[in-house]
C-alpha cells in the first residue's frame, strides 16, 4: 500500500492577514473596484493628491499615477504618515493595498 501525503501551503496571493487578526481575501481586491475608490476617497482629495497636487508624488487620480507611486504609497500608509486627514487607513485597507501590490499592481 502506498500512502500519499499532500502538503498544503497557504498561497500568499489568496489571502492577507494583519497583525491584529484582520483578514482579506486577496482574490477580491481589484484596482478598479477596491484600490481606486480607496485612493480617490482618502488620498486624491482637495489639498492632498487631487489633479492639481504637487504634494509628495503629486496627483493620485488614475492608474498610471498610482502605479508609479505605489512604493511611496504603501510605505507612507504602513508608517501611518498618510493619509494626513481622516486618520490612518484601517487594517483591512492596508491589507487590500498589500494584496494589490503583491499580485503585481495590475490595472484590473
PDB file of N, CA and C in Angstrom:
ATOM      1  N   UNK A   1       0.843  -1.168   0.000  1.00  0.00           N
ATOM      2  CA  UNK A   1       0.000   0.000   0.000  1.00  0.00           C
ATOM      3  C   UNK A   1       0.898   1.244   0.000  1.00  0.00           C
ATOM      4  N   UNK A   2       0.543   2.144  -0.858  1.00  0.00           N
ATOM      5  CA  UNK A   2       1.283   3.395  -0.963  1.00  0.00           C
ATOM      6  C   UNK A   2       0.400   4.503  -0.399  1.00  0.00           C
ATOM      7  N   UNK A   3       0.994   5.284   0.458  1.00  0.00           N
ATOM      8  CA  UNK A   3       0.259   6.388   1.064  1.00  0.00           C
ATOM      9  C   UNK A   3       0.834   7.692   0.510  1.00  0.00           C
ATOM     10  N   UNK A   4      -0.043   8.503   0.014  1.00  0.00           N
ATOM     11  CA  UNK A   4       0.366   9.801  -0.487  1.00  0.00           C
ATOM     12  C   UNK A   4       0.026  10.863   0.552  1.00  0.00           C
ATOM     13  N   UNK A   5       0.985  11.664   0.832  1.00  0.00           N
ATOM     14  CA  UNK A   5       0.761  12.770   1.758  1.00  0.00           C
ATOM     15  C   UNK A   5       0.809  14.052   0.949  1.00  0.00           C
ATOM     16  N   UNK A   6      -0.236  14.785   1.058  1.00  0.00           N
ATOM     17  CA  UNK A   6      -0.315  16.036   0.329  1.00  0.00           C
ATOM     18  C   UNK A   6      -0.104  17.172   1.311  1.00  0.00           C
ATOM     19  N   UNK A   7       0.895  17.938   1.032  1.00  0.00           N
ATOM     20  CA  UNK A   7       1.184  19.078   1.902  1.00  0.00           C
ATOM     21  C   UNK A   7       0.425  20.290   1.389  1.00  0.00           C
ATOM     22  N   UNK A   8      -0.195  20.965   2.294  1.00  0.00           N
ATOM     23  CA  UNK A   8      -0.921  22.171   1.936  1.00  0.00           C
ATOM     24  C   UNK A   8      -0.072  23.372   2.304  1.00  0.00           C
ATOM     25  N   UNK A   9      -0.040  24.296   1.403  1.00  0.00           N
ATOM     26  CA  UNK A   9       0.714  25.506   1.637  1.00  0.00           C
ATOM     27  C   UNK A   9      -0.218  26.680   1.404  1.00  0.00           C
ATOM     28  N   UNK A  10      -0.213  27.624   2.308  1.00  0.00           N
ATOM     29  CA  UNK A  10      -1.062  28.794   2.158  1.00  0.00           C
ATOM     30  C   UNK A  10      -0.514  29.667   1.043  1.00  0.00           C
ATOM     31  N   UNK A  11      -1.350  29.972   0.109  1.00  0.00           N
ATOM     32  CA  UNK A  11      -0.980  30.821  -1.008  1.00  0.00           C
ATOM     33  C   UNK A  11      -1.081  32.276  -0.566  1.00  0.00           C
ATOM     34  N   UNK A  12       0.061  32.965  -0.527  1.00  0.00           N
ATOM     35  CA  UNK A  12       0.072  34.339  -0.068  1.00  0.00           C
ATOM     36  C   UNK A  12      -0.796  35.243  -0.932  1.00  0.00           C
ATOM     37  N   UNK A  13      -0.957  34.882  -2.184  1.00  0.00           N
ATOM     38  CA  UNK A  13      -1.771  35.715  -3.066  1.00  0.00           C
ATOM     39  C   UNK A  13      -3.262  35.560  -2.793  1.00  0.00           C
ATOM     40  N   UNK A  14      -3.660  34.499  -2.073  1.00  0.00           N
ATOM     41  CA  UNK A  14      -5.079  34.262  -1.873  1.00  0.00           C
ATOM     42  C   UNK A  14      -5.646  34.966  -0.649  1.00  0.00           C
ATOM     43  N   UNK A  15      -4.797  35.269   0.321  1.00  0.00           N
ATOM     44  CA  UNK A  15      -5.302  35.974   1.485  1.00  0.00           C
ATOM     45  C   UNK A  15      -4.199  36.786   2.136  1.00  0.00           C
ATOM     46  N   UNK A  16      -4.621  37.801   2.835  1.00  0.00           N
ATOM     47  CA  UNK A  16      -3.692  38.629   3.583  1.00  0.00           C
ATOM     48  C   UNK A  16      -4.167  38.673   5.020  1.00  0.00           C
ATOM     49  N   UNK A  17      -3.235  38.592   5.938  1.00  0.00           N
ATOM     50  CA  UNK A  17      -3.586  38.622   7.352  1.00  0.00           C
ATOM     51  C   UNK A  17      -2.767  39.692   8.059  1.00  0.00           C
ATOM     52  N   UNK A  18      -3.461  40.508   8.812  1.00  0.00           N
ATOM     53  CA  UNK A  18      -2.796  41.568   9.555  1.00  0.00           C
ATOM     54  C   UNK A  18      -2.410  41.125  10.942  1.00  0.00           C
ATOM     55  N   UNK A  19      -1.554  41.898  11.591  1.00  0.00           N
ATOM     56  CA  UNK A  19      -1.102  41.559  12.938  1.00  0.00           C
ATOM     57  C   UNK A  19      -2.223  41.566  13.970  1.00  0.00           C
ATOM     58  N   UNK A  20      -3.328  42.247  13.654  1.00  0.00           N
ATOM     59  CA  UNK A  20      -4.444  42.324  14.589  1.00  0.00           C
ATOM     60  C   UNK A  20      -5.504  41.264  14.314  1.00  0.00           C
ATOM     61  N   UNK A  21      -5.176  40.313  13.421  1.00  0.00           N
ATOM     62  CA  UNK A  21      -6.124  39.250  13.096  1.00  0.00           C
ATOM     63  C   UNK A  21      -7.021  39.566  11.916  1.00  0.00           C
ATOM     64  N   UNK A  22      -6.901  40.760  11.363  1.00  0.00           N
ATOM     65  CA  UNK A  22      -7.685  41.138  10.191  1.00  0.00           C
ATOM     66  C   UNK A  22      -7.300  40.245   9.026  1.00  0.00           C
ATOM     67  N   UNK A  23      -8.279  39.858   8.231  1.00  0.00           N
ATOM     68  CA  UNK A  23      -8.025  39.006   7.077  1.00  0.00           C
ATOM     69  C   UNK A  23      -8.726  39.574   5.852  1.00  0.00           C
ATOM     70  N   UNK A  24      -8.063  39.463   4.708  1.00  0.00           N
ATOM     71  CA  UNK A  24      -8.621  39.938   3.447  1.00  0.00           C
ATOM     72  C   UNK A  24      -8.451  38.847   2.411  1.00  0.00           C
ATOM     73  N   UNK A  25      -9.488  38.587   1.638  1.00  0.00           N
ATOM     74  CA  UNK A  25      -9.403  37.658   0.514  1.00  0.00           C
ATOM     75  C   UNK A  25      -8.792  38.436  -0.640  1.00  0.00           C
ATOM     76  N   UNK A  26      -7.514  38.210  -0.888  1.00  0.00           N
ATOM     77  CA  UNK A  26      -6.800  38.968  -1.917  1.00  0.00           C
ATOM     78  C   UNK A  26      -7.380  38.755  -3.308  1.00  0.00           C
ATOM     79  N   UNK A  27      -8.059  37.646  -3.518  1.00  0.00           N
ATOM     80  CA  UNK A  27      -8.666  37.388  -4.816  1.00  0.00           C
ATOM     81  C   UNK A  27      -9.772  38.363  -5.169  1.00  0.00           C
ATOM     82  N   UNK A  28     -10.291  39.053  -4.174  1.00  0.00           N
ATOM     83  CA  UNK A  28     -11.371  40.007  -4.429  1.00  0.00           C
ATOM     84  C   UNK A  28     -10.862  41.437  -4.601  1.00  0.00           C
ATOM     85  N   UNK A  29      -9.581  41.655  -4.373  1.00  0.00           N
ATOM     86  CA  UNK A  29      -9.013  43.002  -4.456  1.00  0.00           C
ATOM     87  C   UNK A  29      -8.636  43.314  -5.900  1.00  0.00           C
ATOM     88  N   UNK A  30      -9.300  44.295  -6.462  1.00  0.00           N
ATOM     89  CA  UNK A  30      -9.067  44.734  -7.833  1.00  0.00           C
ATOM     90  C   UNK A  30      -8.802  46.235  -7.833  1.00  0.00           C
ATOM     91  N   UNK A  31      -8.014  46.680  -8.792  1.00  0.00           N
ATOM     92  CA  UNK A  31      -7.718  48.111  -8.861  1.00  0.00           C
ATOM     93  C   UNK A  31      -8.999  48.923  -9.008  1.00  0.00           C
ATOM     94  N   UNK A  32      -9.821  48.576  -9.985  1.00  0.00           N
ATOM     95  CA  UNK A  32     -10.990  49.400 -10.299  1.00  0.00           C
ATOM     96  C   UNK A  32     -12.053  49.412  -9.211  1.00  0.00           C
ATOM     97  N   UNK A  33     -12.209  48.306  -8.503  1.00  0.00           N
ATOM     98  CA  UNK A  33     -13.290  48.230  -7.516  1.00  0.00           C
ATOM     99  C   UNK A  33     -12.829  48.401  -6.068  1.00  0.00           C
ATOM    100  N   UNK A  34     -11.536  48.294  -5.809  1.00  0.00           N
ATOM    101  CA  UNK A  34     -11.050  48.396  -4.436  1.00  0.00           C
ATOM    102  C   UNK A  34     -10.039  49.523  -4.257  1.00  0.00           C
ATOM    103  N   UNK A  35      -8.972  49.480  -5.042  1.00  0.00           N
ATOM    104  CA  UNK A  35      -7.859  50.409  -4.840  1.00  0.00           C
ATOM    105  C   UNK A  35      -8.194  51.824  -5.299  1.00  0.00           C
ATOM    106  N   UNK A  36      -8.718  51.980  -6.508  1.00  0.00           N
ATOM    107  CA  UNK A  36      -9.047  53.324  -6.995  1.00  0.00           C
ATOM    108  C   UNK A  36     -10.064  54.020  -6.093  1.00  0.00           C
ATOM    109  N   UNK A  37     -11.145  53.358  -5.687  1.00  0.00           N
ATOM    110  CA  UNK A  37     -12.072  54.041  -4.764  1.00  0.00           C
ATOM    111  C   UNK A  37     -11.419  54.405  -3.423  1.00  0.00           C
ATOM    112  N   UNK A  38     -10.542  53.554  -2.927  1.00  0.00           N
ATOM    113  CA  UNK A  38      -9.848  53.841  -1.672  1.00  0.00           C
ATOM    114  C   UNK A  38      -8.955  55.071  -1.824  1.00  0.00           C
ATOM    115  N   UNK A  39      -8.123  55.071  -2.860  1.00  0.00           N
ATOM    116  CA  UNK A  39      -7.221  56.204  -3.089  1.00  0.00           C
ATOM    117  C   UNK A  39      -8.020  57.475  -3.394  1.00  0.00           C
ATOM    118  N   UNK A  40      -9.073  57.343  -4.170  1.00  0.00           N
ATOM    119  CA  UNK A  40      -9.896  58.512  -4.517  1.00  0.00           C
ATOM    120  C   UNK A  40     -10.533  59.149  -3.293  1.00  0.00           C
ATOM    121  N   UNK A  41     -11.012  58.329  -2.376  1.00  0.00           N
ATOM    122  CA  UNK A  41     -11.719  58.866  -1.210  1.00  0.00           C
ATOM    123  C   UNK A  41     -10.793  59.299  -0.080  1.00  0.00           C
ATOM    124  N   UNK A  42      -9.609  58.707   0.010  1.00  0.00           N
ATOM    125  CA  UNK A  42      -8.732  59.017   1.138  1.00  0.00           C
ATOM    126  C   UNK A  42      -7.476  59.791   0.763  1.00  0.00           C
ATOM    127  N   UNK A  43      -7.090  59.785  -0.517  1.00  0.00           N
ATOM    128  CA  UNK A  43      -5.825  60.414  -0.917  1.00  0.00           C
ATOM    129  C   UNK A  43      -5.997  61.500  -1.980  1.00  0.00           C
ATOM    130  N   UNK A  44      -6.761  61.208  -3.002  1.00  0.00           N
ATOM    131  CA  UNK A  44      -6.913  62.127  -4.135  1.00  0.00           C
ATOM    132  C   UNK A  44      -7.976  63.170  -3.849  1.00  0.00           C
ATOM    133  N   UNK A  45      -7.837  63.814  -2.702  1.00  0.00           N
ATOM    134  CA  UNK A  45      -8.813  64.809  -2.271  1.00  0.00           C
ATOM    135  C   UNK A  45      -8.205  66.209  -2.377  1.00  0.00           C
ATOM    136  N   UNK A  46      -9.040  67.200  -2.335  1.00  0.00           N
ATOM    137  CA  UNK A  46      -8.597  68.585  -2.442  1.00  0.00           C
ATOM    138  C   UNK A  46      -7.546  68.908  -1.379  1.00  0.00           C
ATOM    139  N   UNK A  47      -6.447  69.487  -1.805  1.00  0.00           N
ATOM    140  CA  UNK A  47      -5.375  69.841  -0.886  1.00  0.00           C
ATOM    141  C   UNK A  47      -4.413  68.707  -0.596  1.00  0.00           C
ATOM    142  N   UNK A  48      -4.698  67.528  -1.100  1.00  0.00           N
ATOM    143  CA  UNK A  48      -3.796  66.392  -0.867  1.00  0.00           C
ATOM    144  C   UNK A  48      -3.211  65.915  -2.203  1.00  0.00           C
ATOM    145  N   UNK A  49      -3.825  64.938  -2.827  1.00  0.00           N
ATOM    146  CA  UNK A  49      -3.293  64.382  -4.075  1.00  0.00           C
ATOM    147  C   UNK A  49      -4.323  64.397  -5.193  1.00  0.00           C
ATOM    148  N   UNK A  50      -5.049  65.528  -5.303  1.00  0.00           N
ATOM    149  CA  UNK A  50      -6.008  65.668  -6.399  1.00  0.00           C
ATOM    150  C   UNK A  50      -5.268  66.021  -7.690  1.00  0.00           C
ATOM    151  N   UNK A  51      -5.999  66.313  -8.738  1.00  0.00           N
ATOM    152  CA  UNK A  51      -5.414  66.541 -10.065  1.00  0.00           C
ATOM    153  C   UNK A  51      -4.421  67.698 -10.111  1.00  0.00           C
ATOM    154  N   UNK A  52      -4.529  68.656  -9.200  1.00  0.00           N
ATOM    155  CA  UNK A  52      -3.634  69.819  -9.216  1.00  0.00           C
ATOM    156  C   UNK A  52      -2.521  69.726  -8.183  1.00  0.00           C
ATOM    157  N   UNK A  53      -2.374  68.607  -7.537  1.00  0.00           N
ATOM    158  CA  UNK A  53      -1.433  68.455  -6.429  1.00  0.00           C
ATOM    159  C   UNK A  53       0.030  68.456  -6.863  1.00  0.00           C
ATOM    160  N   UNK A  54       0.843  69.040  -5.994  1.00  0.00           N
ATOM    161  CA  UNK A  54       2.299  68.923  -6.141  1.00  0.00           C
ATOM    162  C   UNK A  54       2.882  68.320  -4.865  1.00  0.00           C
ATOM    163  N   UNK A  55       2.014  67.830  -3.988  1.00  0.00           N
ATOM    164  CA  UNK A  55       2.450  67.197  -2.738  1.00  0.00           C
ATOM    165  C   UNK A  55       3.072  65.838  -3.017  1.00  0.00           C
ATOM    166  N   UNK A  56       4.177  65.538  -2.350  1.00  0.00           N
ATOM    167  CA  UNK A  56       4.786  64.210  -2.434  1.00  0.00           C
ATOM    168  C   UNK A  56       4.878  63.717  -3.861  1.00  0.00           C
ATOM    169  N   UNK A  57       4.206  62.595  -4.143  1.00  0.00           N
ATOM    170  CA  UNK A  57       4.277  62.055  -5.503  1.00  0.00           C
ATOM    171  C   UNK A  57       3.392  62.792  -6.492  1.00  0.00           C
ATOM    172  N   UNK A  58       2.648  63.794  -6.029  1.00  0.00           N
ATOM    173  CA  UNK A  58       1.750  64.530  -6.913  1.00  0.00           C
ATOM    174  C   UNK A  58       0.371  63.924  -6.946  1.00  0.00           C
ATOM    175  N   UNK A  59      -0.340  64.128  -8.053  1.00  0.00           N
ATOM    176  CA  UNK A  59      -1.700  63.620  -8.167  1.00  0.00           C
ATOM    177  C   UNK A  59      -1.750  62.095  -8.110  1.00  0.00           C
ATOM    178  N   UNK A  60      -2.810  61.584  -7.505  1.00  0.00           N
ATOM    179  CA  UNK A  60      -3.070  60.141  -7.460  1.00  0.00           C
ATOM    180  C   UNK A  60      -4.503  59.913  -7.906  1.00  0.00           C
ATOM    181  N   UNK A  61      -4.775  60.260  -9.153  1.00  0.00           N
ATOM    182  CA  UNK A  61      -6.148  60.215  -9.651  1.00  0.00           C
ATOM    183  C   UNK A  61      -6.410  59.128 -10.681  1.00  0.00           C
ATOM    184  N   UNK A  62      -5.366  58.449 -11.150  1.00  0.00           N
ATOM    185  CA  UNK A  62      -5.569  57.403 -12.147  1.00  0.00           C
ATOM    186  C   UNK A  62      -4.542  56.279 -11.954  1.00  0.00           C
ATOM    187  N   UNK A  63      -4.731  55.225 -12.697  1.00  0.00           N
ATOM    188  CA  UNK A  63      -3.859  54.056 -12.549  1.00  0.00           C
ATOM    189  C   UNK A  63      -2.386  54.395 -12.748  1.00  0.00           C
ATOM    190  N   UNK A  64      -2.045  55.114 -13.797  1.00  0.00           N
ATOM    191  CA  UNK A  64      -0.638  55.405 -14.087  1.00  0.00           C
ATOM    192  C   UNK A  64       0.033  56.145 -12.928  1.00  0.00           C
ATOM    193  N   UNK A  65      -0.657  57.122 -12.370  1.00  0.00           N
ATOM    194  CA  UNK A  65      -0.099  57.886 -11.250  1.00  0.00           C
ATOM    195  C   UNK A  65       0.038  57.029  -9.998  1.00  0.00           C
ATOM    196  N   UNK A  66      -0.971  56.247  -9.712  1.00  0.00           N
ATOM    197  CA  UNK A  66      -0.954  55.390  -8.523  1.00  0.00           C
ATOM    198  C   UNK A  66       0.099  54.306  -8.678  1.00  0.00           C
ATOM    199  N   UNK A  67       0.178  53.691  -9.845  1.00  0.00           N
ATOM    200  CA  UNK A  67       1.180  52.652 -10.092  1.00  0.00           C
ATOM    201  C   UNK A  67       2.590  53.212  -9.931  1.00  0.00           C
ATOM    202  N   UNK A  68       2.842  54.383 -10.489  1.00  0.00           N
ATOM    203  CA  UNK A  68       4.167  54.995 -10.405  1.00  0.00           C
ATOM    204  C   UNK A  68       4.558  55.337  -8.963  1.00  0.00           C
ATOM    205  N   UNK A  69       3.568  55.549  -8.117  1.00  0.00           N
ATOM    206  CA  UNK A  69       3.814  55.952  -6.728  1.00  0.00           C
ATOM    207  C   UNK A  69       3.569  54.829  -5.732  1.00  0.00           C
ATOM    208  N   UNK A  70       3.361  53.609  -6.198  1.00  0.00           N
ATOM    209  CA  UNK A  70       2.930  52.508  -5.337  1.00  0.00           C
ATOM    210  C   UNK A  70       3.864  52.259  -4.160  1.00  0.00           C
ATOM    211  N   UNK A  71       5.161  52.357  -4.345  1.00  0.00           N
ATOM    212  CA  UNK A  71       6.104  52.100  -3.250  1.00  0.00           C
ATOM    213  C   UNK A  71       5.991  53.197  -2.196  1.00  0.00           C
ATOM    214  N   UNK A  72       5.901  54.458  -2.641  1.00  0.00           N
ATOM    215  CA  UNK A  72       5.737  55.567  -1.708  1.00  0.00           C
ATOM    216  C   UNK A  72       4.416  55.455  -0.954  1.00  0.00           C
ATOM    217  N   UNK A  73       3.380  55.062  -1.653  1.00  0.00           N
ATOM    218  CA  UNK A  73       2.059  54.959  -1.033  1.00  0.00           C
ATOM    219  C   UNK A  73       2.075  53.935   0.086  1.00  0.00           C
ATOM    220  N   UNK A  74       2.506  52.715  -0.199  1.00  0.00           N
ATOM    221  CA  UNK A  74       2.460  51.667   0.830  1.00  0.00           C
ATOM    222  C   UNK A  74       3.403  51.987   1.979  1.00  0.00           C
ATOM    223  N   UNK A  75       4.552  52.560   1.677  1.00  0.00           N
ATOM    224  CA  UNK A  75       5.494  52.927   2.733  1.00  0.00           C
ATOM    225  C   UNK A  75       4.890  53.979   3.665  1.00  0.00           C
ATOM    226  N   UNK A  76       4.293  55.006   3.092  1.00  0.00           N
ATOM    227  CA  UNK A  76       3.686  56.074   3.894  1.00  0.00           C
ATOM    228  C   UNK A  76       2.477  55.593   4.667  1.00  0.00           C
ATOM    229  N   UNK A  77       1.674  54.736   4.045  1.00  0.00           N
ATOM    230  CA  UNK A  77       0.479  54.198   4.701  1.00  0.00           C
ATOM    231  C   UNK A  77       0.886  53.287   5.860  1.00  0.00           C
ATOM    232  N   UNK A  78       1.836  52.403   5.635  1.00  0.00           N
ATOM    233  CA  UNK A  78       2.256  51.479   6.693  1.00  0.00           C
ATOM    234  C   UNK A  78       2.919  52.194   7.860  1.00  0.00           C
ATOM    235  N   UNK A  79       3.555  53.325   7.599  1.00  0.00           N
ATOM    236  CA  UNK A  79       4.182  54.114   8.664  1.00  0.00           C
ATOM    237  C   UNK A  79       3.187  55.082   9.306  1.00  0.00           C
ATOM    238  N   UNK A  80       1.927  55.037   8.868  1.00  0.00           N
ATOM    239  CA  UNK A  80       0.864  55.923   9.356  1.00  0.00           C
ATOM    240  C   UNK A  80       1.168  57.406   9.137  1.00  0.00           C
ATOM    241  N   UNK A  81       1.978  57.713   8.112  1.00  0.00           N
ATOM    242  CA  UNK A  81       2.233  59.107   7.740  1.00  0.00           C
ATOM    243  C   UNK A  81       1.122  59.618   6.815  1.00  0.00           C
ATOM    244  N   UNK A  82       0.472  58.706   6.149  1.00  0.00           N
ATOM    245  CA  UNK A  82      -0.593  59.049   5.215  1.00  0.00           C
ATOM    246  C   UNK A  82      -1.755  58.098   5.434  1.00  0.00           C
ATOM    247  N   UNK A  83      -2.945  58.513   5.169  1.00  0.00           N
ATOM    248  CA  UNK A  83      -3.325  59.880   4.831  1.00  0.00           C
ATOM    249  C   UNK A  83      -3.246  60.786   6.057  1.00  0.00           C
ATOM    250  N   UNK A  84      -3.013  62.059   5.789  1.00  0.00           N
ATOM    251  CA  UNK A  84      -2.869  63.016   6.890  1.00  0.00           C
ATOM    252  C   UNK A  84      -4.203  63.496   7.432  1.00  0.00           C
ATOM    253  N   UNK A  85      -5.261  63.323   6.678  1.00  0.00           N
ATOM    254  CA  UNK A  85      -6.582  63.699   7.169  1.00  0.00           C
ATOM    255  C   UNK A  85      -7.450  62.455   7.280  1.00  0.00           C
ATOM    256  N   UNK A  86      -8.313  62.453   8.250  1.00  0.00           N
ATOM    257  CA  UNK A  86      -9.232  61.331   8.420  1.00  0.00           C
ATOM    258  C   UNK A  86      -8.632  60.145   9.154  1.00  0.00           C
ATOM    259  N   UNK A  87      -7.431  60.289   9.676  1.00  0.00           N
ATOM    260  CA  UNK A  87      -6.800  59.196  10.410  1.00  0.00           C
ATOM    261  C   UNK A  87      -6.186  58.161   9.481  1.00  0.00           C
ATOM    262  N   UNK A  88      -5.436  57.236  10.062  1.00  0.00           N
ATOM    263  CA  UNK A  88      -4.778  56.207   9.242  1.00  0.00           C
ATOM    264  C   UNK A  88      -5.793  55.267   8.603  1.00  0.00           C
ATOM    265  N   UNK A  89      -5.350  54.581   7.565  1.00  0.00           N
ATOM    266  CA  UNK A  89      -6.206  53.574   6.945  1.00  0.00           C
ATOM    267  C   UNK A  89      -6.429  52.440   7.926  1.00  0.00           C
ATOM    268  N   UNK A  90      -7.523  51.752   7.770  1.00  0.00           N
ATOM    269  CA  UNK A  90      -7.820  50.595   8.617  1.00  0.00           C
ATOM    270  C   UNK A  90      -6.891  49.443   8.248  1.00  0.00           C
ATOM    271  N   UNK A  91      -6.831  48.446   9.101  1.00  0.00           N
ATOM    272  CA  UNK A  91      -6.032  47.247   8.817  1.00  0.00           C
ATOM    273  C   UNK A  91      -6.498  46.591   7.522  1.00  0.00           C
ATOM    274  N   UNK A  92      -7.796  46.559   7.317  1.00  0.00           N
ATOM    275  CA  UNK A  92      -8.340  45.974   6.089  1.00  0.00           C
ATOM    276  C   UNK A  92      -7.867  46.745   4.863  1.00  0.00           C
ATOM    277  N   UNK A  93      -7.923  48.057   4.920  1.00  0.00           N
ATOM    278  CA  UNK A  93      -7.499  48.871   3.786  1.00  0.00           C
ATOM    279  C   UNK A  93      -6.005  48.696   3.509  1.00  0.00           C
ATOM    280  N   UNK A  94      -5.206  48.627   4.555  1.00  0.00           N
ATOM    281  CA  UNK A  94      -3.766  48.399   4.376  1.00  0.00           C
ATOM    282  C   UNK A  94      -3.506  47.030   3.750  1.00  0.00           C
ATOM    283  N   UNK A  95      -4.241  46.032   4.188  1.00  0.00           N
ATOM    284  CA  UNK A  95      -4.092  44.698   3.605  1.00  0.00           C
ATOM    285  C   UNK A  95      -4.524  44.681   2.146  1.00  0.00           C
ATOM    286  N   UNK A  96      -5.577  45.412   1.819  1.00  0.00           N
ATOM    287  CA  UNK A  96      -6.015  45.482   0.428  1.00  0.00           C
ATOM    288  C   UNK A  96      -4.920  46.063  -0.456  1.00  0.00           C
ATOM    289  N   UNK A  97      -4.282  47.126   0.010  1.00  0.00           N
ATOM    290  CA  UNK A  97      -3.172  47.698  -0.745  1.00  0.00           C
ATOM    291  C   UNK A  97      -2.043  46.684  -0.905  1.00  0.00           C
ATOM    292  N   UNK A  98      -1.715  45.986   0.175  1.00  0.00           N
ATOM    293  CA  UNK A  98      -0.657  44.971   0.112  1.00  0.00           C
ATOM    294  C   UNK A  98      -1.012  43.845  -0.846  1.00  0.00           C
ATOM    295  N   UNK A  99      -2.245  43.398  -0.800  1.00  0.00           N
ATOM    296  CA  UNK A  99      -2.697  42.340  -1.716  1.00  0.00           C
ATOM    297  C   UNK A  99      -2.524  42.773  -3.160  1.00  0.00           C
ATOM    298  N   UNK A 100      -2.947  43.990  -3.454  1.00  0.00           N
ATOM    299  CA  UNK A 100      -2.858  44.506  -4.816  1.00  0.00           C
ATOM    300  C   UNK A 100      -1.397  44.571  -5.272  1.00  0.00           C
ATOM    301  N   UNK A 101      -0.540  45.075  -4.401  1.00  0.00           N
ATOM    302  CA  UNK A 101       0.878  45.175  -4.741  1.00  0.00           C
ATOM    303  C   UNK A 101       1.497  43.792  -4.919  1.00  0.00           C
ATOM    304  N   UNK A 102       1.202  42.888  -3.992  1.00  0.00           N
ATOM    305  CA  UNK A 102       1.767  41.538  -4.050  1.00  0.00           C
ATOM    306  C   UNK A 102       1.324  40.778  -5.303  1.00  0.00           C
ATOM    307  N   UNK A 103       0.154  41.145  -5.827  1.00  0.00           N
ATOM    308  CA  UNK A 103      -0.367  40.479  -7.033  1.00  0.00           C
ATOM    309  C   UNK A 103       0.134  41.150  -8.313  1.00  0.00           C
ATOM    310  N   UNK A 104       1.036  42.109  -8.177  1.00  0.00           N
ATOM    311  CA  UNK A 104       1.603  42.763  -9.356  1.00  0.00           C
ATOM    312  C   UNK A 104       1.035  44.122  -9.688  1.00  0.00           C
ATOM    313  N   UNK A 105       0.203  44.662  -8.813  1.00  0.00           N
ATOM    314  CA  UNK A 105      -0.382  46.000  -9.000  1.00  0.00           C
ATOM    315  C   UNK A 105      -1.009  46.155 -10.389  1.00  0.00           C
ATOM    316  N   UNK A 106      -1.842  45.206 -10.731  1.00  0.00           N
ATOM    317  CA  UNK A 106      -2.476  45.175 -12.056  1.00  0.00           C
ATOM    318  C   UNK A 106      -3.596  46.203 -12.184  1.00  0.00           C
ATOM    319  N   UNK A 107      -3.812  46.633 -13.404  1.00  0.00           N
ATOM    320  CA  UNK A 107      -4.908  47.550 -13.721  1.00  0.00           C
ATOM    321  C   UNK A 107      -6.101  46.700 -14.141  1.00  0.00           C
ATOM    322  N   UNK A 108      -6.798  46.164 -13.156  1.00  0.00           N
ATOM    323  CA  UNK A 108      -7.943  45.292 -13.441  1.00  0.00           C
ATOM    324  C   UNK A 108      -9.227  45.833 -12.865  1.00  0.00           C
TER     325      UNK A 108
END
